[in-house]
Protein backbone atom coordinates (compact mmCIF):
# COMPACT_ATOMS: atom_id res chain seq x y z
CA MET A 1 7.90 -11.89 8.71
CA LEU A 2 5.24 -11.56 6.01
CA PRO A 3 6.44 -12.44 2.49
CA SER A 4 4.06 -9.95 0.85
CA PRO A 5 3.93 -6.18 1.26
CA ALA A 6 1.76 -5.03 4.16
CA TRP A 7 1.02 -1.57 5.55
CA LEU A 8 -1.14 0.36 7.98
CA ARG A 9 -2.70 3.79 7.56
CA ASP A 10 -4.13 6.29 10.01
CA LYS A 11 -7.68 7.64 9.76
CA SER A 12 -6.55 10.34 7.32
CA GLY A 13 -5.07 7.73 4.98
CA LYS A 14 -1.40 8.37 5.68
CA LEU A 15 0.99 5.44 5.89
CA THR A 16 2.03 4.75 9.48
CA TRP A 17 3.72 1.36 9.23
CA ILE A 18 5.17 -0.87 6.51
CA ASN A 19 6.85 -4.25 6.52
CA THR A 20 10.15 -5.25 4.91
CA ALA A 21 8.44 -6.62 1.79
CA TYR A 22 6.80 -3.22 1.21
CA LEU A 23 10.15 -1.50 1.67
CA LYS A 24 11.74 -3.76 -0.95
CA ALA A 25 8.78 -3.44 -3.35
CA VAL A 26 9.04 0.35 -3.49
CA ASP A 27 12.85 0.21 -3.57
CA ALA A 28 13.24 2.57 -0.63
CA HIS A 29 16.20 2.81 1.74
CA SER A 30 14.31 2.81 5.03
CA GLU A 31 10.90 2.64 6.68
CA LYS A 32 11.44 6.24 7.79
CA GLU A 33 11.88 7.35 4.16
CA VAL A 34 8.64 5.65 3.12
CA ILE A 35 6.62 7.07 6.02
CA GLU A 36 8.03 10.60 5.75
CA THR A 37 7.59 10.84 1.98
CA GLN A 38 4.49 8.60 1.79
CA ILE A 39 5.86 6.35 -0.98
CA GLU A 40 2.91 4.42 -2.33
CA LEU A 41 3.05 0.83 -3.56
CA LEU A 42 -0.15 1.07 -5.59
CA GLU A 43 -1.02 3.61 -8.26
CA SER A 44 -3.71 6.13 -7.37
CA ARG A 45 -6.25 4.45 -9.70
CA HIS A 46 -5.81 1.19 -7.80
CA ARG A 47 -6.10 2.93 -4.44
CA ARG A 48 -9.34 4.65 -5.54
CA PHE A 49 -10.81 1.33 -6.67
CA ILE A 50 -9.97 -0.31 -3.34
CA GLU A 51 -11.31 2.67 -1.39
CA GLN A 52 -14.62 2.58 -3.29
CA THR A 53 -15.02 -1.10 -2.45
CA LEU A 54 -14.20 -0.62 1.22
CA ASN A 55 -16.52 2.40 1.49
CA LYS A 56 -19.38 0.08 0.50
CA ASN A 57 -18.41 -2.11 3.47
CA GLU A 58 -17.37 -4.84 1.05
CA PHE A 59 -14.28 -7.00 1.24
CA PHE A 60 -11.69 -6.24 -1.44
CA ASP A 61 -10.59 -9.50 -3.01
CA GLU A 62 -9.16 -8.67 -6.41
CA GLU A 63 -5.76 -9.17 -7.99
CA ILE A 64 -3.87 -6.06 -9.00
CA GLU A 65 -0.86 -6.29 -11.29
CA LEU A 66 1.96 -4.12 -10.00
CA ILE A 67 4.13 -4.53 -13.08
CA ASP A 68 2.80 -3.85 -16.58
CA ARG A 69 3.72 -6.58 -19.02
């Protein structure tokens, strides 16, 4: 079991798999709920930033705060 949230997406960007840490991080009741409703862990601004990096064929290696302090 991975201690950090992990997920897989299909070619269209939809979530297809999540691990238990992801489930707990988004406070969902089941993997089915997350997949059916596409509950995102990251805000859209973070997802866009990651996507831009990956589209340049670069490795994304940045820290993203999930909780504002």
